[in-house]
Each structure stands twice: as C-alpha cells, then as structure tokens.
C-alpha cells in the first residue's frame, strides 16, 4: 500500500518489545541480538519488512533511529554495541499504550533544547523519515555487529589464551608483567604485574582471570582474592568474561583489601583505548581495525 507507514502507536509497540526483551536478557545485550530476538514476536507487515535504501528492513531502521531518542530520554544506554535498559526505561513499560513513544519525543526534544540542537525532522515526509532512519541505522548496525564479532572472538578463546590476552592488555597499559601462570594449577594467582621493571614500586597487581562466558563471578571469588593479598600495597584485579553477580559489589565494599573488577565491556574498552601499544602477540589474539563513518546528524 503506497499510503502505509509505521505509525507512532506501532513504534510504541515495537519499542516496548525491545525494552521487555532487554529486561528478559538481564538488562543488557548486544543491539543486533536483541533486535533479532524480538523480530519473530512482532507480526510484522509486508511494509515493515520491506527493504530501504541501505538494504536493511524498514522496521529495524526506524527502531534504531528512535532508540537514539531513547538514549537521550534516559530509557536505554548504548556503549560500543551494548544496549542497557535503565531503571527509567523499565518504569516506562508501565506507561499507557502510545505514551512511551510520545514521552520519548517530549524528553528527547527537551534534551535537544538543552543542548541547543535541532532534530531537523519535525516536518519530514515519510520518504525523508525513511532516509534519516536509514542513515542512522547504517552506523548503529555497524557498531553492534563489530562488537558482536569482538565478543564472539574473545568468548571463543581458550582459558589460557584469554589469560594471555589480559596480560597483553596490562603490558599495553605500561605495567610490567612478571608472572603469567602456565597451564595447570596456579594456586589462585594468574598474573602478577608492577608499575616498574624491578617491582620496587607499589602497587603490585595480583590478577585472577575467570574465563566463563556463561557464568558470573560470585562473592566467594572476591573472598578468595581477599586471601591472596598478603603484602602491603597489593591490589587485586579479577577479570571475568562472564561478568559479576549483584552480590559481588557488596562483597567488595565489605573487603578491607583493595580489589578491582574488569568485565568484558571494560576489557574491550581498554583494549581499544590502548590498542596502538598492544604487542604482536596480543594483536594475534584479538586483532582490530579502525573504521570511520560520517556521524549521523541525529547524534
């Protein structure tokens, strides 16, 4: 139908599906994964499934476009391909039908006004809206896909290669890595690093590496690390590819020792930040390439 379009009420339904799916996924997921999860639940029309200029489907380009406003409204957060549902976003699910989309618009316009920007699309035609959404979607999908591939590469590493990846990151951050546990039993310490070559300057970093993509580090692991920090000036670092349970934060606050944590998001962030200083061995484990896009005006 030539006069068909994706209405505001329909976009409200799609955004709610996105928020519900993020909540079901534990509050955070790769954007590409959550979109794929909601697609079969939406009963999409032929118009919504039709492809636009970039080759992507219309409903996805519009969804990605409107999630930019959802970020500005505080409903979700996006970081390097990872989408997180905020407490405000979870509460927005209780809004009456259609109101989530309208409130998103009001709050996004307030954001633009505060930042002295114009959306430039208040009176766009349907064709212009498609083109605006398409341009935004190209960059948004590229970010999500890139991060998805990085995560899959890391999760596919063996435990020992993941441990070496962490060691290479510490070296790129100008730490002197004096010990990397060989395969086998390690007594709980996987990596030891110092800020100087002789190890005479505190702190000494004692690292435990947990490569369990489907399992989060729990409070007992914090207590185990606590017992390993025996010298003054020791700092513990637990690196977990599967993340950390909610009770680990309470355990960290209760510990008299200084213990830091690094989840997969933080590891990737630091790897990207220090990549120019990563050695060849590290780049062989996780090779990256920078690609630049012209930023969409909506950002």
C-alpha atoms as a PDB file:
ATOM      1  CA  UNK A   1       0.000   0.000   0.000  1.00  0.00           C
ATOM      2  CA  UNK A   2       1.512   3.292  -1.065  1.00  0.00           C
ATOM      3  CA  UNK A   3      -0.065   5.281   1.791  1.00  0.00           C
ATOM      4  CA  UNK A   4       1.018   2.837   4.505  1.00  0.00           C
ATOM      5  CA  UNK A   5       3.528   3.926   7.127  1.00  0.00           C
ATOM      6  CA  UNK A   6       4.803   2.882  10.546  1.00  0.00           C
ATOM      7  CA  UNK A   7       2.608   4.856  12.914  1.00  0.00           C
ATOM      8  CA  UNK A   8       3.631   6.310  16.251  1.00  0.00           C
ATOM      9  CA  UNK A   9       1.434   3.775  18.078  1.00  0.00           C
ATOM     10  CA  UNK A  10       3.056   0.930  16.170  1.00  0.00           C
ATOM     11  CA  UNK A  11       6.525   2.214  17.028  1.00  0.00           C
ATOM     12  CA  UNK A  12       5.354   2.361  20.652  1.00  0.00           C
ATOM     13  CA  UNK A  13       4.604  -1.384  20.460  1.00  0.00           C
ATOM     14  CA  UNK A  14       7.990  -2.115  18.909  1.00  0.00           C
ATOM     15  CA  UNK A  15       9.887  -0.060  21.494  1.00  0.00           C
ATOM     16  CA  UNK A  16       8.042  -1.840  24.305  1.00  0.00           C
ATOM     17  CA  UNK A  17       9.008  -5.188  22.791  1.00  0.00           C
ATOM     18  CA  UNK A  18      12.618  -4.021  22.740  1.00  0.00           C
ATOM     19  CA  UNK A  19      12.527  -2.899  26.372  1.00  0.00           C
ATOM     20  CA  UNK A  20      10.862  -6.140  27.524  1.00  0.00           C
ATOM     21  CA  UNK A  21      13.425  -8.235  25.674  1.00  0.00           C
ATOM     22  CA  UNK A  22      16.330  -6.292  27.164  1.00  0.00           C
ATOM     23  CA  UNK A  23      14.833  -6.841  30.610  1.00  0.00           C
ATOM     24  CA  UNK A  24      14.488 -10.578  29.917  1.00  0.00           C
ATOM     25  CA  UNK A  25      18.126 -10.690  28.794  1.00  0.00           C
ATOM     26  CA  UNK A  26      19.254  -9.405  32.179  1.00  0.00           C
ATOM     27  CA  UNK A  27      19.105  -5.729  31.299  1.00  0.00           C
ATOM     28  CA  UNK A  28      21.938  -5.699  28.780  1.00  0.00           C
ATOM     29  CA  UNK A  29      22.568  -7.246  25.373  1.00  0.00           C
ATOM     30  CA  UNK A  30      24.153  -6.623  22.015  1.00  0.00           C
ATOM     31  CA  UNK A  31      21.825  -4.492  19.893  1.00  0.00           C
ATOM     32  CA  UNK A  32      21.841  -6.916  16.965  1.00  0.00           C
ATOM     33  CA  UNK A  33      20.985  -9.830  19.262  1.00  0.00           C
ATOM     34  CA  UNK A  34      18.036  -8.133  20.961  1.00  0.00           C
ATOM     35  CA  UNK A  35      16.595  -6.969  17.626  1.00  0.00           C
ATOM     36  CA  UNK A  36      16.853 -10.499  16.248  1.00  0.00           C
ATOM     37  CA  UNK A  37      15.100 -11.807  19.374  1.00  0.00           C
ATOM     38  CA  UNK A  38      12.050  -9.543  19.054  1.00  0.00           C
ATOM     39  CA  UNK A  39      11.562  -9.836  15.287  1.00  0.00           C
ATOM     40  CA  UNK A  40       9.510 -13.093  15.340  1.00  0.00           C
ATOM     41  CA  UNK A  41       7.288 -11.674  18.103  1.00  0.00           C
ATOM     42  CA  UNK A  42       6.148  -8.561  16.223  1.00  0.00           C
ATOM     43  CA  UNK A  43       3.822  -9.931  13.499  1.00  0.00           C
ATOM     44  CA  UNK A  44       5.429  -7.573  11.002  1.00  0.00           C
ATOM     45  CA  UNK A  45       3.573  -6.316   7.934  1.00  0.00           C
ATOM     46  CA  UNK A  46       4.973  -6.504   4.418  1.00  0.00           C
ATOM     47  CA  UNK A  47       5.584  -2.753   4.535  1.00  0.00           C
ATOM     48  CA  UNK A  48       7.512  -3.030   7.797  1.00  0.00           C
ATOM     49  CA  UNK A  49       9.584  -5.914   6.396  1.00  0.00           C
ATOM     50  CA  UNK A  50      10.323  -4.122   3.117  1.00  0.00           C
ATOM     51  CA  UNK A  51      13.915  -3.097   2.450  1.00  0.00           C
ATOM     52  CA  UNK A  52      15.046   0.506   2.351  1.00  0.00           C
ATOM     53  CA  UNK A  53      17.950   2.144   0.538  1.00  0.00           C
ATOM     54  CA  UNK A  54      20.753   0.531   2.553  1.00  0.00           C
ATOM     55  CA  UNK A  55      19.270  -2.957   2.147  1.00  0.00           C
ATOM     56  CA  UNK A  56      18.103  -3.130   5.777  1.00  0.00           C
ATOM     57  CA  UNK A  57      14.451  -3.704   6.626  1.00  0.00           C
ATOM     58  CA  UNK A  58      12.262  -0.704   7.360  1.00  0.00           C
ATOM     59  CA  UNK A  59      11.082  -1.601  10.872  1.00  0.00           C
ATOM     60  CA  UNK A  60      14.664  -2.129  12.085  1.00  0.00           C
ATOM     61  CA  UNK A  61      15.927   1.146  10.634  1.00  0.00           C
ATOM     62  CA  UNK A  62      13.059   3.014  12.333  1.00  0.00           C
ATOM     63  CA  UNK A  63      13.629   1.203  15.623  1.00  0.00           C
ATOM     64  CA  UNK A  64      17.320   2.029  15.637  1.00  0.00           C
ATOM     65  CA  UNK A  65      16.544   5.634  14.725  1.00  0.00           C
ATOM     66  CA  UNK A  66      14.138   6.053  17.631  1.00  0.00           C
ATOM     67  CA  UNK A  67      16.493   4.374  20.091  1.00  0.00           C
ATOM     68  CA  UNK A  68      18.721   7.426  19.664  1.00  0.00           C
ATOM     69  CA  UNK A  69      15.941   9.476  21.267  1.00  0.00           C
ATOM     70  CA  UNK A  70      15.505   6.764  23.905  1.00  0.00           C
ATOM     71  CA  UNK A  71      19.147   7.241  24.877  1.00  0.00           C
ATOM     72  CA  UNK A  72      18.622  10.994  25.197  1.00  0.00           C
ATOM     73  CA  UNK A  73      15.443  10.390  27.196  1.00  0.00           C
ATOM     74  CA  UNK A  74      17.389   8.128  29.584  1.00  0.00           C
ATOM     75  CA  UNK A  75      15.485   4.905  28.800  1.00  0.00           C
ATOM     76  CA  UNK A  76      18.431   2.971  27.453  1.00  0.00           C
ATOM     77  CA  UNK A  77      22.191   3.358  27.255  1.00  0.00           C
ATOM     78  CA  UNK A  78      24.387   2.373  24.344  1.00  0.00           C
ATOM     79  CA  UNK A  79      28.096   1.723  24.609  1.00  0.00           C
ATOM     80  CA  UNK A  80      30.104   0.174  21.806  1.00  0.00           C
ATOM     81  CA  UNK A  81      27.268  -2.051  20.593  1.00  0.00           C
ATOM     82  CA  UNK A  82      25.972  -2.980  24.050  1.00  0.00           C
ATOM     83  CA  UNK A  83      22.437  -1.791  24.870  1.00  0.00           C
ATOM     84  CA  UNK A  84      21.387  -1.433  28.515  1.00  0.00           C
ATOM     85  CA  UNK A  85      17.865  -0.892  29.823  1.00  0.00           C
ATOM     86  CA  UNK A  86      17.892   1.735  32.572  1.00  0.00           C
ATOM     87  CA  UNK A  87      15.629   1.855  35.609  1.00  0.00           C
ATOM     88  CA  UNK A  88      13.783   4.720  33.928  1.00  0.00           C
ATOM     89  CA  UNK A  89      13.319   2.615  30.806  1.00  0.00           C
ATOM     90  CA  UNK A  90      11.939  -0.282  32.820  1.00  0.00           C
ATOM     91  CA  UNK A  91       9.455   2.050  34.511  1.00  0.00           C
ATOM     92  CA  UNK A  92       8.416   3.415  31.109  1.00  0.00           C
ATOM     93  CA  UNK A  93       6.940  -0.006  30.290  1.00  0.00           C
ATOM     94  CA  UNK A  94       4.120   0.828  32.725  1.00  0.00           C
ATOM     95  CA  UNK A  95       3.057   3.876  30.677  1.00  0.00           C
ATOM     96  CA  UNK A  96      -0.324   3.675  28.878  1.00  0.00           C
ATOM     97  CA  UNK A  97      -0.308   2.422  25.256  1.00  0.00           C
ATOM     98  CA  UNK A  98       1.169   5.027  22.948  1.00  0.00           C
ATOM     99  CA  UNK A  99       2.530   7.154  25.772  1.00  0.00           C
ATOM    100  CA  UNK A 100       6.013   5.685  25.764  1.00  0.00           C
ATOM    101  CA  UNK A 101       6.539   6.952  22.221  1.00  0.00           C
ATOM    102  CA  UNK A 102       5.063  10.360  23.000  1.00  0.00           C
ATOM    103  CA  UNK A 103       7.038  10.793  26.222  1.00  0.00           C
ATOM    104  CA  UNK A 104      10.194   9.730  24.389  1.00  0.00           C
ATOM    105  CA  UNK A 105       9.563  12.557  21.947  1.00  0.00           C
ATOM    106  CA  UNK A 106       8.981  15.142  24.668  1.00  0.00           C
ATOM    107  CA  UNK A 107      12.057  14.184  26.636  1.00  0.00           C
ATOM    108  CA  UNK A 108      14.260  13.985  23.555  1.00  0.00           C
ATOM    109  CA  UNK A 109      13.112  17.450  22.432  1.00  0.00           C
ATOM    110  CA  UNK A 110      13.939  18.760  25.906  1.00  0.00           C
ATOM    111  CA  UNK A 111      17.408  17.234  25.545  1.00  0.00           C
ATOM    112  CA  UNK A 112      17.914  18.864  22.164  1.00  0.00           C
ATOM    113  CA  UNK A 113      16.721  22.201  23.536  1.00  0.00           C
ATOM    114  CA  UNK A 114      19.104  21.963  26.490  1.00  0.00           C
ATOM    115  CA  UNK A 115      21.967  21.171  24.140  1.00  0.00           C
ATOM    116  CA  UNK A 116      20.833  23.840  21.662  1.00  0.00           C
ATOM    117  CA  UNK A 117      20.365  21.401  18.820  1.00  0.00           C
ATOM    118  CA  UNK A 118      17.540  20.910  16.371  1.00  0.00           C
ATOM    119  CA  UNK A 119      16.338  17.465  15.316  1.00  0.00           C
ATOM    120  CA  UNK A 120      15.670  18.893  11.875  1.00  0.00           C
ATOM    121  CA  UNK A 121      12.978  16.290  11.237  1.00  0.00           C
ATOM    122  CA  UNK A 122       9.803  17.665  12.824  1.00  0.00           C
ATOM    123  CA  UNK A 123       8.099  18.069   9.448  1.00  0.00           C
ATOM    124  CA  UNK A 124       9.827  15.360   7.464  1.00  0.00           C
ATOM    125  CA  UNK A 125       7.881  13.479   4.837  1.00  0.00           C
ATOM    126  CA  UNK A 126       7.655   9.702   5.103  1.00  0.00           C
ATOM    127  CA  UNK A 127      10.421   9.448   2.500  1.00  0.00           C
ATOM    128  CA  UNK A 128      12.681  11.816   4.452  1.00  0.00           C
ATOM    129  CA  UNK A 129      11.951   9.885   7.634  1.00  0.00           C
ATOM    130  CA  UNK A 130      12.981   6.653   5.908  1.00  0.00           C
ATOM    131  CA  UNK A 131      16.204   8.250   4.680  1.00  0.00           C
ATOM    132  CA  UNK A 132      17.052   9.752   8.084  1.00  0.00           C
ATOM    133  CA  UNK A 133      16.418   6.427   9.801  1.00  0.00           C
ATOM    134  CA  UNK A 134      18.421   4.593   7.143  1.00  0.00           C
ATOM    135  CA  UNK A 135      21.486   6.808   7.578  1.00  0.00           C
ATOM    136  CA  UNK A 136      21.410   6.398  11.341  1.00  0.00           C
ATOM    137  CA  UNK A 137      20.798   2.656  11.081  1.00  0.00           C
ATOM    138  CA  UNK A 138      23.875   2.036   8.925  1.00  0.00           C
ATOM    139  CA  UNK A 139      26.219   3.323  11.635  1.00  0.00           C
ATOM    140  CA  UNK A 140      24.218   1.826  14.508  1.00  0.00           C
ATOM    141  CA  UNK A 141      24.171  -1.651  12.949  1.00  0.00           C
ATOM    142  CA  UNK A 142      27.885  -1.438  12.137  1.00  0.00           C
ATOM    143  CA  UNK A 143      28.693  -0.715  15.789  1.00  0.00           C
ATOM    144  CA  UNK A 144      26.526  -3.571  17.016  1.00  0.00           C
ATOM    145  CA  UNK A 145      27.917  -6.069  14.518  1.00  0.00           C
ATOM    146  CA  UNK A 146      31.514  -5.064  15.232  1.00  0.00           C
ATOM    147  CA  UNK A 147      31.041  -5.525  18.970  1.00  0.00           C
ATOM    148  CA  UNK A 148      29.212  -8.816  18.468  1.00  0.00           C
ATOM    149  CA  UNK A 149      32.160 -10.180  16.486  1.00  0.00           C
ATOM    150  CA  UNK A 150      34.660  -8.937  19.082  1.00  0.00           C
ATOM    151  CA  UNK A 151      32.692 -10.620  21.882  1.00  0.00           C
ATOM    152  CA  UNK A 152      32.477 -13.868  19.930  1.00  0.00           C
ATOM    153  CA  UNK A 153      36.219 -13.803  19.276  1.00  0.00           C
ATOM    154  CA  UNK A 154      37.001 -13.307  22.964  1.00  0.00           C
ATOM    155  CA  UNK A 155      34.475 -15.884  24.150  1.00  0.00           C
ATOM    156  CA  UNK A 156      35.957 -18.396  21.715  1.00  0.00           C
ATOM    157  CA  UNK A 157      39.450 -18.104  23.223  1.00  0.00           C
ATOM    158  CA  UNK A 158      40.737 -20.893  25.412  1.00  0.00           C
ATOM    159  CA  UNK A 159      41.101 -20.044  29.128  1.00  0.00           C
ATOM    160  CA  UNK A 160      44.868 -19.800  28.748  1.00  0.00           C
ATOM    161  CA  UNK A 161      44.648 -17.563  25.658  1.00  0.00           C
ATOM    162  CA  UNK A 162      42.186 -15.332  27.497  1.00  0.00           C
ATOM    163  CA  UNK A 163      44.667 -15.114  30.369  1.00  0.00           C
ATOM    164  CA  UNK A 164      47.372 -14.115  27.884  1.00  0.00           C
ATOM    165  CA  UNK A 165      45.024 -11.510  26.422  1.00  0.00           C
ATOM    166  CA  UNK A 166      44.694  -9.902  29.845  1.00  0.00           C
ATOM    167  CA  UNK A 167      48.474  -9.991  30.296  1.00  0.00           C
ATOM    168  CA  UNK A 168      48.971  -8.312  26.906  1.00  0.00           C
ATOM    169  CA  UNK A 169      46.483  -5.611  27.869  1.00  0.00           C
ATOM    170  CA  UNK A 170      48.374  -4.883  31.086  1.00  0.00           C
ATOM    171  CA  UNK A 171      51.631  -4.604  29.130  1.00  0.00           C
ATOM    172  CA  UNK A 172      49.984  -2.177  26.700  1.00  0.00           C
ATOM    173  CA  UNK A 173      48.911  -0.131  29.739  1.00  0.00           C
ATOM    174  CA  UNK A 174      52.603   0.140  30.741  1.00  0.00           C
ATOM    175  CA  UNK A 175      52.554  -2.459  33.508  1.00  0.00           C
ATOM    176  CA  UNK A 176      55.483  -4.850  33.856  1.00  0.00           C
ATOM    177  CA  UNK A 177      54.067  -8.361  33.857  1.00  0.00           C
ATOM    178  CA  UNK A 178      56.436 -10.516  35.896  1.00  0.00           C
ATOM    179  CA  UNK A 179      54.361 -13.677  36.093  1.00  0.00           C
ATOM    180  CA  UNK A 180      51.789 -15.427  33.904  1.00  0.00           C
ATOM    181  CA  UNK A 181      50.658 -18.783  35.255  1.00  0.00           C
ATOM    182  CA  UNK A 182      51.446 -21.728  32.953  1.00  0.00           C
ATOM    183  CA  UNK A 183      48.658 -24.178  32.066  1.00  0.00           C
ATOM    184  CA  UNK A 184      47.641 -26.249  35.047  1.00  0.00           C
ATOM    185  CA  UNK A 185      47.071 -25.483  38.703  1.00  0.00           C
ATOM    186  CA  UNK A 186      48.208 -21.961  39.585  1.00  0.00           C
ATOM    187  CA  UNK A 187      47.454 -21.543  43.272  1.00  0.00           C
ATOM    188  CA  UNK A 188      44.870 -18.870  42.532  1.00  0.00           C
ATOM    189  CA  UNK A 189      47.211 -16.243  41.040  1.00  0.00           C
ATOM    190  CA  UNK A 190      47.122 -15.999  37.242  1.00  0.00           C
ATOM    191  CA  UNK A 191      49.104 -12.816  36.604  1.00  0.00           C
ATOM    192  CA  UNK A 192      51.372 -10.542  38.644  1.00  0.00           C
ATOM    193  CA  UNK A 193      52.242  -7.055  37.410  1.00  0.00           C
ATOM    194  CA  UNK A 194      54.134  -3.996  38.683  1.00  0.00           C
ATOM    195  CA  UNK A 195      54.469  -0.361  37.659  1.00  0.00           C
ATOM    196  CA  UNK A 196      58.263  -0.618  37.419  1.00  0.00           C
ATOM    197  CA  UNK A 197      60.569  -3.232  35.951  1.00  0.00           C
ATOM    198  CA  UNK A 198      62.128  -4.244  39.279  1.00  0.00           C
ATOM    199  CA  UNK A 199      58.895  -4.422  41.217  1.00  0.00           C
ATOM    200  CA  UNK A 200      60.111  -1.964  43.822  1.00  0.00           C
ATOM    201  CA  UNK A 201      57.198   0.461  43.470  1.00  0.00           C
ATOM    202  CA  UNK A 202      53.766  -0.270  44.804  1.00  0.00           C
ATOM    203  CA  UNK A 203      51.205  -1.332  43.932  1.00  0.00           C
ATOM    204  CA  UNK A 204      51.698  -4.915  42.980  1.00  0.00           C
ATOM    205  CA  UNK A 205      48.752  -6.120  40.881  1.00  0.00           C
ATOM    206  CA  UNK A 206      47.603  -9.658  41.629  1.00  0.00           C
ATOM    207  CA  UNK A 207      45.246 -10.876  38.932  1.00  0.00           C
ATOM    208  CA  UNK A 208      42.728 -13.692  38.793  1.00  0.00           C
ATOM    209  CA  UNK A 209      41.307 -14.424  35.347  1.00  0.00           C
ATOM    210  CA  UNK A 210      37.906 -16.108  35.061  1.00  0.00           C
ATOM    211  CA  UNK A 211      37.047 -17.119  31.515  1.00  0.00           C
ATOM    212  CA  UNK A 212      33.500 -18.391  31.899  1.00  0.00           C
ATOM    213  CA  UNK A 213      31.358 -16.512  29.319  1.00  0.00           C
ATOM    214  CA  UNK A 214      28.135 -18.054  30.618  1.00  0.00           C
ATOM    215  CA  UNK A 215      28.919 -17.814  34.330  1.00  0.00           C
ATOM    216  CA  UNK A 216      29.274 -14.730  36.507  1.00  0.00           C
ATOM    217  CA  UNK A 217      31.845 -14.325  39.258  1.00  0.00           C
ATOM    218  CA  UNK A 218      30.186 -14.554  42.682  1.00  0.00           C
ATOM    219  CA  UNK A 219      31.068 -13.229  46.126  1.00  0.00           C
ATOM    220  CA  UNK A 220      33.074 -16.338  47.032  1.00  0.00           C
ATOM    221  CA  UNK A 221      35.603 -15.393  44.317  1.00  0.00           C
ATOM    222  CA  UNK A 222      36.006 -11.985  45.956  1.00  0.00           C
ATOM    223  CA  UNK A 223      36.720 -13.677  49.283  1.00  0.00           C
ATOM    224  CA  UNK A 224      39.252 -15.955  47.573  1.00  0.00           C
ATOM    225  CA  UNK A 225      41.058 -12.934  46.127  1.00  0.00           C
ATOM    226  CA  UNK A 226      40.982 -11.264  49.544  1.00  0.00           C
ATOM    227  CA  UNK A 227      43.009 -14.159  50.935  1.00  0.00           C
ATOM    228  CA  UNK A 228      45.656 -13.801  48.223  1.00  0.00           C
ATOM    229  CA  UNK A 229      46.509 -10.186  49.045  1.00  0.00           C
ATOM    230  CA  UNK A 230      49.074 -10.646  51.797  1.00  0.00           C
ATOM    231  CA  UNK A 231      51.521  -7.776  51.210  1.00  0.00           C
ATOM    232  CA  UNK A 232      51.040  -4.094  51.918  1.00  0.00           C
ATOM    233  CA  UNK A 233      50.271  -2.244  48.709  1.00  0.00           C
ATOM    234  CA  UNK A 234      48.838  -5.295  46.944  1.00  0.00           C
ATOM    235  CA  UNK A 235      45.840  -4.641  44.711  1.00  0.00           C
ATOM    236  CA  UNK A 236      43.639  -7.442  43.477  1.00  0.00           C
ATOM    237  CA  UNK A 237      42.135  -7.498  39.994  1.00  0.00           C
ATOM    238  CA  UNK A 238      39.507 -10.026  38.961  1.00  0.00           C
ATOM    239  CA  UNK A 239      38.851 -10.240  35.228  1.00  0.00           C
ATOM    240  CA  UNK A 240      35.663 -12.069  34.280  1.00  0.00           C
ATOM    241  CA  UNK A 241      34.444 -12.611  30.725  1.00  0.00           C
ATOM    242  CA  UNK A 242      31.046 -13.588  32.144  1.00  0.00           C
ATOM    243  CA  UNK A 243      30.646 -10.544  34.381  1.00  0.00           C
ATOM    244  CA  UNK A 244      29.824 -10.358  38.076  1.00  0.00           C
ATOM    245  CA  UNK A 245      26.776 -11.121  40.195  1.00  0.00           C
ATOM    246  CA  UNK A 246      24.985  -8.372  42.101  1.00  0.00           C
ATOM    247  CA  UNK A 247      26.349  -9.569  45.434  1.00  0.00           C
ATOM    248  CA  UNK A 248      29.968  -9.055  44.359  1.00  0.00           C
ATOM    249  CA  UNK A 249      29.595  -5.278  44.787  1.00  0.00           C
ATOM    250  CA  UNK A 250      28.506  -5.767  48.415  1.00  0.00           C
ATOM    251  CA  UNK A 251      31.408  -8.141  48.999  1.00  0.00           C
ATOM    252  CA  UNK A 252      33.848  -5.622  47.519  1.00  0.00           C
ATOM    253  CA  UNK A 253      32.602  -2.887  49.854  1.00  0.00           C
ATOM    254  CA  UNK A 254      32.956  -5.209  52.833  1.00  0.00           C
ATOM    255  CA  UNK A 255      36.511  -6.272  51.965  1.00  0.00           C
ATOM    256  CA  UNK A 256      39.343  -4.480  53.837  1.00  0.00           C
ATOM    257  CA  UNK A 257      41.571  -5.051  50.778  1.00  0.00           C
ATOM    258  CA  UNK A 258      41.522  -3.117  47.523  1.00  0.00           C
ATOM    259  CA  UNK A 259      40.048  -5.314  44.828  1.00  0.00           C
ATOM    260  CA  UNK A 260      39.110  -4.085  41.353  1.00  0.00           C
ATOM    261  CA  UNK A 261      36.977  -5.841  38.750  1.00  0.00           C
ATOM    262  CA  UNK A 262      37.033  -5.927  34.961  1.00  0.00           C
ATOM    263  CA  UNK A 263      34.152  -7.360  32.949  1.00  0.00           C
ATOM    264  CA  UNK A 264      34.074  -7.978  29.201  1.00  0.00           C
ATOM    265  CA  UNK A 265      32.843  -4.457  28.427  1.00  0.00           C
ATOM    266  CA  UNK A 266      35.664  -2.864  30.383  1.00  0.00           C
ATOM    267  CA  UNK A 267      38.245  -5.194  28.860  1.00  0.00           C
ATOM    268  CA  UNK A 268      37.150  -4.329  25.302  1.00  0.00           C
ATOM    269  CA  UNK A 269      37.046  -0.615  26.125  1.00  0.00           C
ATOM    270  CA  UNK A 270      40.612  -0.698  27.451  1.00  0.00           C
ATOM    271  CA  UNK A 271      41.806  -2.910  24.584  1.00  0.00           C
ATOM    272  CA  UNK A 272      40.519  -0.363  22.081  1.00  0.00           C
ATOM    273  CA  UNK A 273      41.969   2.561  24.032  1.00  0.00           C
ATOM    274  CA  UNK A 274      45.461   1.043  24.271  1.00  0.00           C
ATOM    275  CA  UNK A 275      45.456  -0.956  21.028  1.00  0.00           C
ATOM    276  CA  UNK A 276      48.239   1.084  19.418  1.00  0.00           C
ATOM    277  CA  UNK A 277      50.572  -0.146  22.179  1.00  0.00           C
ATOM    278  CA  UNK A 278      49.449  -3.785  22.114  1.00  0.00           C
ATOM    279  CA  UNK A 279      52.242  -6.117  21.018  1.00  0.00           C
ATOM    280  CA  UNK A 280      52.107  -8.548  18.110  1.00  0.00           C
ATOM    281  CA  UNK A 281      51.239 -11.458  20.394  1.00  0.00           C
ATOM    282  CA  UNK A 282      48.222  -9.570  21.713  1.00  0.00           C
ATOM    283  CA  UNK A 283      47.100  -8.448  18.265  1.00  0.00           C
ATOM    284  CA  UNK A 284      47.199 -12.052  17.115  1.00  0.00           C
ATOM    285  CA  UNK A 285      44.719 -12.926  19.864  1.00  0.00           C
ATOM    286  CA  UNK A 286      42.361 -10.001  19.230  1.00  0.00           C
ATOM    287  CA  UNK A 287      43.134  -8.057  16.040  1.00  0.00           C
ATOM    288  CA  UNK A 288      41.159  -4.851  15.487  1.00  0.00           C
ATOM    289  CA  UNK A 289      40.926  -2.259  12.738  1.00  0.00           C
ATOM    290  CA  UNK A 290      39.598   1.283  12.985  1.00  0.00           C
ATOM    291  CA  UNK A 291      36.826   2.293  10.592  1.00  0.00           C
ATOM    292  CA  UNK A 292      35.457   5.827  10.480  1.00  0.00           C
ATOM    293  CA  UNK A 293      31.917   6.823   9.453  1.00  0.00           C
ATOM    294  CA  UNK A 294      30.454  10.254   8.977  1.00  0.00           C
ATOM    295  CA  UNK A 295      28.414  10.654  12.168  1.00  0.00           C
ATOM    296  CA  UNK A 296      24.634  10.846  11.656  1.00  0.00           C
ATOM    297  CA  UNK A 297      23.229  14.293  12.380  1.00  0.00           C
ATOM    298  CA  UNK A 298      20.834  12.780  14.937  1.00  0.00           C
ATOM    299  CA  UNK A 299      23.808  12.151  17.246  1.00  0.00           C
END
